[in-house]
């Protein structure tokens, strides 16, 4: 082949490629939606937009060292997106998206996402209303240092519990008198702050040695606690513990505010319960 013919063929090939490129561009422009510069790929009619890619890139690169400006990295991210699109299309072709179990799973996810959102919003709102005073942190620290020796008695009769709480020095004799009403008579025991349920602890740790609590509701029973002794424990300094203490108080206050809000929400809502259906429902 002469040099002239080679040159002629090269010009023809180049011209053909240019024409094909122009036709392809014309076809693509005609067969994509408006704003096609926002579309990175089209998989069986499913578009992958610039926004789709950016969202996937942010998630993919958050725990990696790769640069988002690297073209290979971009192709890797796009390849993952295309794979996902193809798998979704395959699942749809098999009608998995119409399966009852799948739809139930989607509903569950949707409900959980809504609950998470409303909880985050409400907790953020409640947080703005909370103030932890220095005196509260100091009182909490003092309780953390406390160790108390206590005698705990649980009774099923409130009147017997009231009599026992007023017995003072006749505590043991009164226990004998109401022995048939006693559900549990705990041996004397040392308690640290945090060993008891919060609502009981708030009462017990305010008692002095020799004092007895009023009856404390304990499920369907009543608890009476008598403090027999006190000691101061060794813990880190207030300066070191202060931030942690304030955070604990903050969390507790927020939980209390949330419970109050939930109580109000329940009381303002129409809720009907079929006890009959609840009783006959078997859980296996």
C-alpha atoms as a PDB file:
ATOM      1  CA  UNK A   1       0.000   0.000   0.000  1.00  0.00           C
ATOM      2  CA  UNK A   2       1.378   3.393  -1.027  1.00  0.00           C
ATOM      3  CA  UNK A   3       1.962   6.169   1.449  1.00  0.00           C
ATOM      4  CA  UNK A   4      -0.780   8.149  -0.313  1.00  0.00           C
ATOM      5  CA  UNK A   5      -3.336   5.371   0.125  1.00  0.00           C
ATOM      6  CA  UNK A   6      -2.450   4.980   3.815  1.00  0.00           C
ATOM      7  CA  UNK A   7      -2.931   8.674   4.331  1.00  0.00           C
ATOM      8  CA  UNK A   8      -6.262   8.610   2.459  1.00  0.00           C
ATOM      9  CA  UNK A   9      -7.554   5.684   4.529  1.00  0.00           C
ATOM     10  CA  UNK A  10      -6.455   7.405   7.751  1.00  0.00           C
ATOM     11  CA  UNK A  11      -8.390  10.532   6.795  1.00  0.00           C
ATOM     12  CA  UNK A  12     -11.495   8.444   5.992  1.00  0.00           C
ATOM     13  CA  UNK A  13     -11.290   6.599   9.343  1.00  0.00           C
ATOM     14  CA  UNK A  14     -10.870   9.832  11.241  1.00  0.00           C
ATOM     15  CA  UNK A  15     -13.832  11.373   9.415  1.00  0.00           C
ATOM     16  CA  UNK A  16     -15.948   8.299  10.163  1.00  0.00           C
ATOM     17  CA  UNK A  17     -15.115   8.441  13.885  1.00  0.00           C
ATOM     18  CA  UNK A  18     -16.018  12.126  14.021  1.00  0.00           C
ATOM     19  CA  UNK A  19     -19.351  11.474  12.264  1.00  0.00           C
ATOM     20  CA  UNK A  20     -20.123   8.512  14.585  1.00  0.00           C
ATOM     21  CA  UNK A  21     -19.247  10.644  17.604  1.00  0.00           C
ATOM     22  CA  UNK A  22     -21.543  13.437  16.459  1.00  0.00           C
ATOM     23  CA  UNK A  23     -24.380  10.981  15.772  1.00  0.00           C
ATOM     24  CA  UNK A  24     -23.891   9.313  19.170  1.00  0.00           C
ATOM     25  CA  UNK A  25     -23.926  12.677  20.895  1.00  0.00           C
ATOM     26  CA  UNK A  26     -27.090  13.631  18.999  1.00  0.00           C
ATOM     27  CA  UNK A  27     -28.746  10.313  19.921  1.00  0.00           C
ATOM     28  CA  UNK A  28     -27.749  10.604  23.601  1.00  0.00           C
ATOM     29  CA  UNK A  29     -29.031  14.174  23.800  1.00  0.00           C
ATOM     30  CA  UNK A  30     -32.339  13.097  22.305  1.00  0.00           C
ATOM     31  CA  UNK A  31     -32.769  10.062  24.585  1.00  0.00           C
ATOM     32  CA  UNK A  32     -31.877  11.528  27.984  1.00  0.00           C
ATOM     33  CA  UNK A  33     -33.901  13.794  30.204  1.00  0.00           C
ATOM     34  CA  UNK A  34     -33.417  17.511  30.515  1.00  0.00           C
ATOM     35  CA  UNK A  35     -30.330  18.416  32.470  1.00  0.00           C
ATOM     36  CA  UNK A  36     -28.474  15.314  31.218  1.00  0.00           C
ATOM     37  CA  UNK A  37     -25.204  16.864  32.361  1.00  0.00           C
ATOM     38  CA  UNK A  38     -26.398  15.743  35.812  1.00  0.00           C
ATOM     39  CA  UNK A  39     -26.453  12.078  34.736  1.00  0.00           C
ATOM     40  CA  UNK A  40     -23.280   9.997  35.073  1.00  0.00           C
ATOM     41  CA  UNK A  41     -24.598   6.634  33.889  1.00  0.00           C
ATOM     42  CA  UNK A  42     -27.733   4.939  32.624  1.00  0.00           C
ATOM     43  CA  UNK A  43     -28.304   1.306  33.578  1.00  0.00           C
ATOM     44  CA  UNK A  44     -31.218  -0.305  31.735  1.00  0.00           C
ATOM     45  CA  UNK A  45     -33.088   2.998  31.882  1.00  0.00           C
ATOM     46  CA  UNK A  46     -32.191   3.651  35.531  1.00  0.00           C
ATOM     47  CA  UNK A  47     -30.202   6.847  35.831  1.00  0.00           C
ATOM     48  CA  UNK A  48     -27.254   7.367  38.171  1.00  0.00           C
ATOM     49  CA  UNK A  49     -27.118  11.087  38.785  1.00  0.00           C
ATOM     50  CA  UNK A  50     -24.292  13.298  39.965  1.00  0.00           C
ATOM     51  CA  UNK A  51     -26.074  13.580  43.330  1.00  0.00           C
ATOM     52  CA  UNK A  52     -26.342   9.772  43.574  1.00  0.00           C
ATOM     53  CA  UNK A  53     -22.623   9.496  42.889  1.00  0.00           C
ATOM     54  CA  UNK A  54     -21.676  12.200  45.401  1.00  0.00           C
ATOM     55  CA  UNK A  55     -23.736  10.529  48.146  1.00  0.00           C
ATOM     56  CA  UNK A  56     -22.132   7.146  47.439  1.00  0.00           C
ATOM     57  CA  UNK A  57     -18.674   8.733  47.299  1.00  0.00           C
ATOM     58  CA  UNK A  58     -19.106  10.422  50.678  1.00  0.00           C
ATOM     59  CA  UNK A  59     -20.161   7.120  52.256  1.00  0.00           C
ATOM     60  CA  UNK A  60     -17.405   5.158  50.515  1.00  0.00           C
ATOM     61  CA  UNK A  61     -14.572   7.575  51.235  1.00  0.00           C
ATOM     62  CA  UNK A  62     -15.470   8.327  54.855  1.00  0.00           C
ATOM     63  CA  UNK A  63     -13.361   5.418  56.140  1.00  0.00           C
ATOM     64  CA  UNK A  64     -10.790   5.281  53.336  1.00  0.00           C
ATOM     65  CA  UNK A  65      -7.636   7.133  52.448  1.00  0.00           C
ATOM     66  CA  UNK A  66      -8.354   7.248  48.702  1.00  0.00           C
ATOM     67  CA  UNK A  67      -8.800  10.647  47.095  1.00  0.00           C
ATOM     68  CA  UNK A  68     -12.141  11.525  45.516  1.00  0.00           C
ATOM     69  CA  UNK A  69     -10.220  13.308  42.735  1.00  0.00           C
ATOM     70  CA  UNK A  70      -8.578  10.047  41.615  1.00  0.00           C
ATOM     71  CA  UNK A  71     -10.280   8.826  38.417  1.00  0.00           C
ATOM     72  CA  UNK A  72      -9.741   5.157  39.311  1.00  0.00           C
ATOM     73  CA  UNK A  73     -11.444   5.744  42.662  1.00  0.00           C
ATOM     74  CA  UNK A  74     -14.348   7.398  40.877  1.00  0.00           C
ATOM     75  CA  UNK A  75     -14.696   4.427  38.518  1.00  0.00           C
ATOM     76  CA  UNK A  76     -14.594   2.030  41.502  1.00  0.00           C
ATOM     77  CA  UNK A  77     -17.399   3.944  43.224  1.00  0.00           C
ATOM     78  CA  UNK A  78     -19.409   4.076  39.992  1.00  0.00           C
ATOM     79  CA  UNK A  79     -18.863   0.343  39.476  1.00  0.00           C
ATOM     80  CA  UNK A  80     -20.366  -0.325  42.922  1.00  0.00           C
ATOM     81  CA  UNK A  81     -23.385   1.820  42.042  1.00  0.00           C
ATOM     82  CA  UNK A  82     -23.874   0.020  38.724  1.00  0.00           C
ATOM     83  CA  UNK A  83     -23.626  -3.357  40.473  1.00  0.00           C
ATOM     84  CA  UNK A  84     -26.300  -2.284  42.962  1.00  0.00           C
ATOM     85  CA  UNK A  85     -28.578  -1.047  40.155  1.00  0.00           C
ATOM     86  CA  UNK A  86     -28.206  -4.349  38.277  1.00  0.00           C
ATOM     87  CA  UNK A  87     -28.963  -6.376  41.412  1.00  0.00           C
ATOM     88  CA  UNK A  88     -32.025  -4.233  42.155  1.00  0.00           C
ATOM     89  CA  UNK A  89     -33.269  -4.684  38.578  1.00  0.00           C
ATOM     90  CA  UNK A  90     -32.717  -8.445  38.839  1.00  0.00           C
ATOM     91  CA  UNK A  91     -34.694  -8.543  42.109  1.00  0.00           C
ATOM     92  CA  UNK A  92     -37.503  -6.536  40.498  1.00  0.00           C
ATOM     93  CA  UNK A  93     -37.556  -8.882  37.501  1.00  0.00           C
ATOM     94  CA  UNK A  94     -38.162 -11.720  39.959  1.00  0.00           C
ATOM     95  CA  UNK A  95     -40.920  -9.653  41.668  1.00  0.00           C
ATOM     96  CA  UNK A  96     -39.074  -9.740  44.992  1.00  0.00           C
ATOM     97  CA  UNK A  97     -40.178  -6.135  45.539  1.00  0.00           C
ATOM     98  CA  UNK A  98     -43.799  -7.339  45.665  1.00  0.00           C
ATOM     99  CA  UNK A  99     -43.127 -10.120  48.189  1.00  0.00           C
ATOM    100  CA  UNK A 100     -45.130  -9.725  51.440  1.00  0.00           C
ATOM    101  CA  UNK A 101     -42.137 -10.465  53.688  1.00  0.00           C
ATOM    102  CA  UNK A 102     -40.057  -7.874  51.841  1.00  0.00           C
ATOM    103  CA  UNK A 103     -42.789  -5.246  52.110  1.00  0.00           C
ATOM    104  CA  UNK A 104     -43.087  -5.990  55.840  1.00  0.00           C
ATOM    105  CA  UNK A 105     -39.328  -5.521  56.191  1.00  0.00           C
ATOM    106  CA  UNK A 106     -39.537  -2.183  54.361  1.00  0.00           C
ATOM    107  CA  UNK A 107     -42.395  -1.082  56.622  1.00  0.00           C
ATOM    108  CA  UNK A 108     -40.352  -2.034  59.705  1.00  0.00           C
ATOM    109  CA  UNK A 109     -37.347  -0.050  58.451  1.00  0.00           C
ATOM    110  CA  UNK A 110     -39.577   2.934  57.633  1.00  0.00           C
ATOM    111  CA  UNK A 111     -41.117   2.856  61.121  1.00  0.00           C
ATOM    112  CA  UNK A 112     -37.708   2.594  62.802  1.00  0.00           C
ATOM    113  CA  UNK A 113     -36.374   5.507  60.738  1.00  0.00           C
ATOM    114  CA  UNK A 114     -39.364   7.660  61.737  1.00  0.00           C
ATOM    115  CA  UNK A 115     -39.002   6.733  65.414  1.00  0.00           C
ATOM    116  CA  UNK A 116     -35.285   7.541  65.326  1.00  0.00           C
ATOM    117  CA  UNK A 117     -35.973  10.921  63.764  1.00  0.00           C
ATOM    118  CA  UNK A 118     -38.682  11.972  66.219  1.00  0.00           C
ATOM    119  CA  UNK A 119     -36.594  10.744  69.182  1.00  0.00           C
ATOM    120  CA  UNK A 120     -33.539  12.692  68.056  1.00  0.00           C
ATOM    121  CA  UNK A 121     -35.618  15.827  67.581  1.00  0.00           C
ATOM    122  CA  UNK A 122     -37.389  15.516  70.940  1.00  0.00           C
ATOM    123  CA  UNK A 123     -34.195  14.709  72.887  1.00  0.00           C
ATOM    124  CA  UNK A 124     -32.429  17.694  71.300  1.00  0.00           C
ATOM    125  CA  UNK A 125     -35.367  19.901  72.254  1.00  0.00           C
ATOM    126  CA  UNK A 126     -35.408  18.602  75.850  1.00  0.00           C
ATOM    127  CA  UNK A 127     -31.642  19.047  76.177  1.00  0.00           C
ATOM    128  CA  UNK A 128     -32.041  22.808  75.773  1.00  0.00           C
ATOM    129  CA  UNK A 129     -34.258  22.894  78.876  1.00  0.00           C
ATOM    130  CA  UNK A 130     -31.779  21.181  81.211  1.00  0.00           C
ATOM    131  CA  UNK A 131     -29.493  22.962  83.639  1.00  0.00           C
ATOM    132  CA  UNK A 132     -27.179  21.097  86.029  1.00  0.00           C
ATOM    133  CA  UNK A 133     -26.296  23.198  89.073  1.00  0.00           C
ATOM    134  CA  UNK A 134     -23.017  22.921  90.984  1.00  0.00           C
ATOM    135  CA  UNK A 135     -24.954  22.044  94.141  1.00  0.00           C
ATOM    136  CA  UNK A 136     -26.505  19.038  92.372  1.00  0.00           C
ATOM    137  CA  UNK A 137     -23.104  17.750  91.280  1.00  0.00           C
ATOM    138  CA  UNK A 138     -21.703  18.226  94.797  1.00  0.00           C
ATOM    139  CA  UNK A 139     -24.634  16.353  96.352  1.00  0.00           C
ATOM    140  CA  UNK A 140     -24.177  13.504  93.882  1.00  0.00           C
ATOM    141  CA  UNK A 141     -20.468  13.351  94.701  1.00  0.00           C
ATOM    142  CA  UNK A 142     -21.216  13.176  98.430  1.00  0.00           C
ATOM    143  CA  UNK A 143     -23.564  10.247  97.801  1.00  0.00           C
ATOM    144  CA  UNK A 144     -20.949   8.495  95.688  1.00  0.00           C
ATOM    145  CA  UNK A 145     -18.609   8.581  98.684  1.00  0.00           C
ATOM    146  CA  UNK A 146     -21.250   7.079 100.978  1.00  0.00           C
ATOM    147  CA  UNK A 147     -21.475   3.477 102.096  1.00  0.00           C
ATOM    148  CA  UNK A 148     -24.499   2.555 104.160  1.00  0.00           C
ATOM    149  CA  UNK A 149     -25.256  -0.550 106.199  1.00  0.00           C
ATOM    150  CA  UNK A 150     -28.976  -1.191 105.853  1.00  0.00           C
ATOM    151  CA  UNK A 151     -31.654  -3.645 106.866  1.00  0.00           C
ATOM    152  CA  UNK A 152     -34.279  -4.199 104.153  1.00  0.00           C
ATOM    153  CA  UNK A 153     -37.702  -5.743 104.698  1.00  0.00           C
ATOM    154  CA  UNK A 154     -40.346  -6.298 101.997  1.00  0.00           C
ATOM    155  CA  UNK A 155     -43.987  -6.766 103.036  1.00  0.00           C
ATOM    156  CA  UNK A 156     -47.153  -7.354 101.026  1.00  0.00           C
ATOM    157  CA  UNK A 157     -49.374  -5.393 103.440  1.00  0.00           C
ATOM    158  CA  UNK A 158     -49.052  -1.589 103.417  1.00  0.00           C
ATOM    159  CA  UNK A 159     -50.449  -1.156 106.932  1.00  0.00           C
ATOM    160  CA  UNK A 160     -47.867  -3.599 108.330  1.00  0.00           C
ATOM    161  CA  UNK A 161     -45.148  -1.704 106.422  1.00  0.00           C
ATOM    162  CA  UNK A 162     -46.325   1.592 107.945  1.00  0.00           C
ATOM    163  CA  UNK A 163     -46.190   0.103 111.447  1.00  0.00           C
ATOM    164  CA  UNK A 164     -42.695  -1.238 110.850  1.00  0.00           C
ATOM    165  CA  UNK A 165     -41.444   2.110 109.511  1.00  0.00           C
ATOM    166  CA  UNK A 166     -42.595   3.809 112.748  1.00  0.00           C
ATOM    167  CA  UNK A 167     -41.193   1.122 115.072  1.00  0.00           C
ATOM    168  CA  UNK A 168     -37.812   2.845 115.682  1.00  0.00           C
ATOM    169  CA  UNK A 169     -36.004   0.913 118.464  1.00  0.00           C
ATOM    170  CA  UNK A 170     -38.721  -1.766 118.416  1.00  0.00           C
ATOM    171  CA  UNK A 171     -37.956  -2.616 114.785  1.00  0.00           C
ATOM    172  CA  UNK A 172     -37.066  -6.292 115.354  1.00  0.00           C
ATOM    173  CA  UNK A 173     -40.017  -6.878 117.699  1.00  0.00           C
ATOM    174  CA  UNK A 174     -42.385  -5.340 115.151  1.00  0.00           C
ATOM    175  CA  UNK A 175     -40.972  -7.622 112.458  1.00  0.00           C
ATOM    176  CA  UNK A 176     -41.902 -10.623 114.602  1.00  0.00           C
ATOM    177  CA  UNK A 177     -45.403  -9.205 115.081  1.00  0.00           C
ATOM    178  CA  UNK A 178     -45.950  -8.921 111.321  1.00  0.00           C
ATOM    179  CA  UNK A 179     -43.935 -11.973 110.265  1.00  0.00           C
ATOM    180  CA  UNK A 180     -46.851 -13.362 108.230  1.00  0.00           C
ATOM    181  CA  UNK A 181     -46.850 -10.187 106.097  1.00  0.00           C
ATOM    182  CA  UNK A 182     -43.118 -10.329 105.343  1.00  0.00           C
ATOM    183  CA  UNK A 183     -42.219 -11.414 101.809  1.00  0.00           C
ATOM    184  CA  UNK A 184     -38.456 -10.972 102.210  1.00  0.00           C
ATOM    185  CA  UNK A 185     -36.219 -10.091 105.150  1.00  0.00           C
ATOM    186  CA  UNK A 186     -32.784  -9.252 103.734  1.00  0.00           C
ATOM    187  CA  UNK A 187     -29.704  -9.768 105.929  1.00  0.00           C
ATOM    188  CA  UNK A 188     -27.895  -6.570 106.933  1.00  0.00           C
ATOM    189  CA  UNK A 189     -25.881  -5.411 103.929  1.00  0.00           C
ATOM    190  CA  UNK A 190     -23.520  -2.619 102.869  1.00  0.00           C
ATOM    191  CA  UNK A 191     -24.752  -0.596  99.896  1.00  0.00           C
ATOM    192  CA  UNK A 192     -22.809   1.684  97.576  1.00  0.00           C
ATOM    193  CA  UNK A 193     -24.382   4.438  95.506  1.00  0.00           C
ATOM    194  CA  UNK A 194     -25.742   2.724  92.396  1.00  0.00           C
ATOM    195  CA  UNK A 195     -26.550  -0.628  94.028  1.00  0.00           C
ATOM    196  CA  UNK A 196     -30.256   0.135  94.432  1.00  0.00           C
ATOM    197  CA  UNK A 197     -32.930   1.286  91.968  1.00  0.00           C
ATOM    198  CA  UNK A 198     -32.751   5.056  91.581  1.00  0.00           C
ATOM    199  CA  UNK A 199     -36.118   5.845  93.177  1.00  0.00           C
ATOM    200  CA  UNK A 200     -35.199   3.774  96.259  1.00  0.00           C
ATOM    201  CA  UNK A 201     -31.679   5.162  96.421  1.00  0.00           C
ATOM    202  CA  UNK A 202     -32.938   8.765  96.487  1.00  0.00           C
ATOM    203  CA  UNK A 203     -34.834   7.935  99.678  1.00  0.00           C
ATOM    204  CA  UNK A 204     -32.363   5.619 101.405  1.00  0.00           C
ATOM    205  CA  UNK A 205     -29.217   7.719 100.912  1.00  0.00           C
ATOM    206  CA  UNK A 206     -30.938  10.705 102.511  1.00  0.00           C
ATOM    207  CA  UNK A 207     -31.474   8.742 105.749  1.00  0.00           C
ATOM    208  CA  UNK A 208     -29.168   9.092 108.738  1.00  0.00           C
ATOM    209  CA  UNK A 209     -27.891   6.254 110.890  1.00  0.00           C
ATOM    210  CA  UNK A 210     -30.749   4.829 112.984  1.00  0.00           C
ATOM    211  CA  UNK A 211     -33.488   6.253 110.718  1.00  0.00           C
ATOM    212  CA  UNK A 212     -36.092   4.164 108.922  1.00  0.00           C
ATOM    213  CA  UNK A 213     -37.748   4.944 105.605  1.00  0.00           C
ATOM    214  CA  UNK A 214     -41.467   5.329 105.066  1.00  0.00           C
ATOM    215  CA  UNK A 215     -42.979   2.423 103.068  1.00  0.00           C
ATOM    216  CA  UNK A 216     -41.614   2.452  99.501  1.00  0.00           C
ATOM    217  CA  UNK A 217     -43.760   0.976  96.726  1.00  0.00           C
ATOM    218  CA  UNK A 218     -41.932  -2.062  95.367  1.00  0.00           C
ATOM    219  CA  UNK A 219     -43.966  -3.708  92.628  1.00  0.00           C
ATOM    220  CA  UNK A 220     -47.131  -4.942  94.332  1.00  0.00           C
ATOM    221  CA  UNK A 221     -45.328  -4.980  97.700  1.00  0.00           C
ATOM    222  CA  UNK A 222     -43.846  -2.444 100.132  1.00  0.00           C
ATOM    223  CA  UNK A 223     -40.236  -1.973 101.161  1.00  0.00           C
ATOM    224  CA  UNK A 224     -38.986  -0.589 104.484  1.00  0.00           C
ATOM    225  CA  UNK A 225     -35.285   0.228 104.880  1.00  0.00           C
ATOM    226  CA  UNK A 226     -33.494   0.922 108.153  1.00  0.00           C
ATOM    227  CA  UNK A 227     -29.997   2.456 108.100  1.00  0.00           C
ATOM    228  CA  UNK A 228     -27.701   0.813 110.664  1.00  0.00           C
ATOM    229  CA  UNK A 229     -24.370   2.428 109.810  1.00  0.00           C
ATOM    230  CA  UNK A 230     -22.474   4.825 107.530  1.00  0.00           C
ATOM    231  CA  UNK A 231     -18.950   5.071 106.138  1.00  0.00           C
ATOM    232  CA  UNK A 232     -17.119   7.307 103.673  1.00  0.00           C
ATOM    233  CA  UNK A 233     -15.571   5.509 100.724  1.00  0.00           C
ATOM    234  CA  UNK A 234     -12.380   6.464  98.881  1.00  0.00           C
ATOM    235  CA  UNK A 235     -12.994   7.775  95.355  1.00  0.00           C
ATOM    236  CA  UNK A 236     -11.285  10.227  92.997  1.00  0.00           C
ATOM    237  CA  UNK A 237     -11.417  13.951  93.736  1.00  0.00           C
ATOM    238  CA  UNK A 238     -14.476  16.024  92.890  1.00  0.00           C
ATOM    239  CA  UNK A 239     -12.472  17.986  90.300  1.00  0.00           C
ATOM    240  CA  UNK A 240     -11.723  14.782  88.368  1.00  0.00           C
ATOM    241  CA  UNK A 241     -15.211  13.323  88.735  1.00  0.00           C
ATOM    242  CA  UNK A 242     -17.204  16.541  88.178  1.00  0.00           C
ATOM    243  CA  UNK A 243     -17.667  16.316  84.388  1.00  0.00           C
ATOM    244  CA  UNK A 244     -18.783  12.692  84.530  1.00  0.00           C
ATOM    245  CA  UNK A 245     -21.164  13.468  87.410  1.00  0.00           C
ATOM    246  CA  UNK A 246     -22.713  16.422  85.569  1.00  0.00           C
ATOM    247  CA  UNK A 247     -23.174  14.275  82.460  1.00  0.00           C
ATOM    248  CA  UNK A 248     -24.925  11.564  84.498  1.00  0.00           C
ATOM    249  CA  UNK A 249     -27.251  14.125  86.073  1.00  0.00           C
ATOM    250  CA  UNK A 250     -27.932  15.638  82.643  1.00  0.00           C
ATOM    251  CA  UNK A 251     -28.831  12.223  81.179  1.00  0.00           C
ATOM    252  CA  UNK A 252     -31.083  11.441  84.137  1.00  0.00           C
ATOM    253  CA  UNK A 253     -32.936  14.746  83.863  1.00  0.00           C
ATOM    254  CA  UNK A 254     -33.418  14.249  80.139  1.00  0.00           C
ATOM    255  CA  UNK A 255     -34.827  10.762  80.698  1.00  0.00           C
ATOM    256  CA  UNK A 256     -37.239  12.149  83.302  1.00  0.00           C
ATOM    257  CA  UNK A 257     -38.390  14.912  80.939  1.00  0.00           C
ATOM    258  CA  UNK A 258     -38.822  12.370  78.157  1.00  0.00           C
ATOM    259  CA  UNK A 259     -40.923  10.099  80.383  1.00  0.00           C
ATOM    260  CA  UNK A 260     -43.142  13.054  81.296  1.00  0.00           C
ATOM    261  CA  UNK A 261     -43.527  13.927  77.624  1.00  0.00           C
ATOM    262  CA  UNK A 262     -44.433  10.311  76.777  1.00  0.00           C
ATOM    263  CA  UNK A 263     -46.996  10.253  79.605  1.00  0.00           C
ATOM    264  CA  UNK A 264     -48.590  13.416  78.211  1.00  0.00           C
ATOM    265  CA  UNK A 265     -48.525  11.985  74.683  1.00  0.00           C
ATOM    266  CA  UNK A 266     -50.283   8.830  75.874  1.00  0.00           C
ATOM    267  CA  UNK A 267     -52.907  10.716  77.883  1.00  0.00           C
ATOM    268  CA  UNK A 268     -53.722  12.929  74.886  1.00  0.00           C
ATOM    269  CA  UNK A 269     -54.042   9.975  72.499  1.00  0.00           C
ATOM    270  CA  UNK A 270     -56.946   7.626  71.859  1.00  0.00           C
ATOM    271  CA  UNK A 271     -55.773   4.119  72.803  1.00  0.00           C
ATOM    272  CA  UNK A 272     -58.179   1.158  72.945  1.00  0.00           C
ATOM    273  CA  UNK A 273     -56.963  -2.214  74.242  1.00  0.00           C
ATOM    274  CA  UNK A 274     -58.817  -5.506  73.847  1.00  0.00           C
ATOM    275  CA  UNK A 275     -57.837  -7.430  76.980  1.00  0.00           C
ATOM    276  CA  UNK A 276     -59.845 -10.386  75.685  1.00  0.00           C
ATOM    277  CA  UNK A 277     -57.803 -10.638  72.491  1.00  0.00           C
ATOM    278  CA  UNK A 278     -54.582  -9.974  74.386  1.00  0.00           C
ATOM    279  CA  UNK A 279     -55.262 -12.880  76.764  1.00  0.00           C
ATOM    280  CA  UNK A 280     -56.091 -15.392  74.033  1.00  0.00           C
ATOM    281  CA  UNK A 281     -53.129 -14.468  71.821  1.00  0.00           C
ATOM    282  CA  UNK A 282     -50.499 -17.206  72.003  1.00  0.00           C
ATOM    283  CA  UNK A 283     -46.850 -16.307  71.604  1.00  0.00           C
ATOM    284  CA  UNK A 284     -44.678 -19.183  70.429  1.00  0.00           C
END
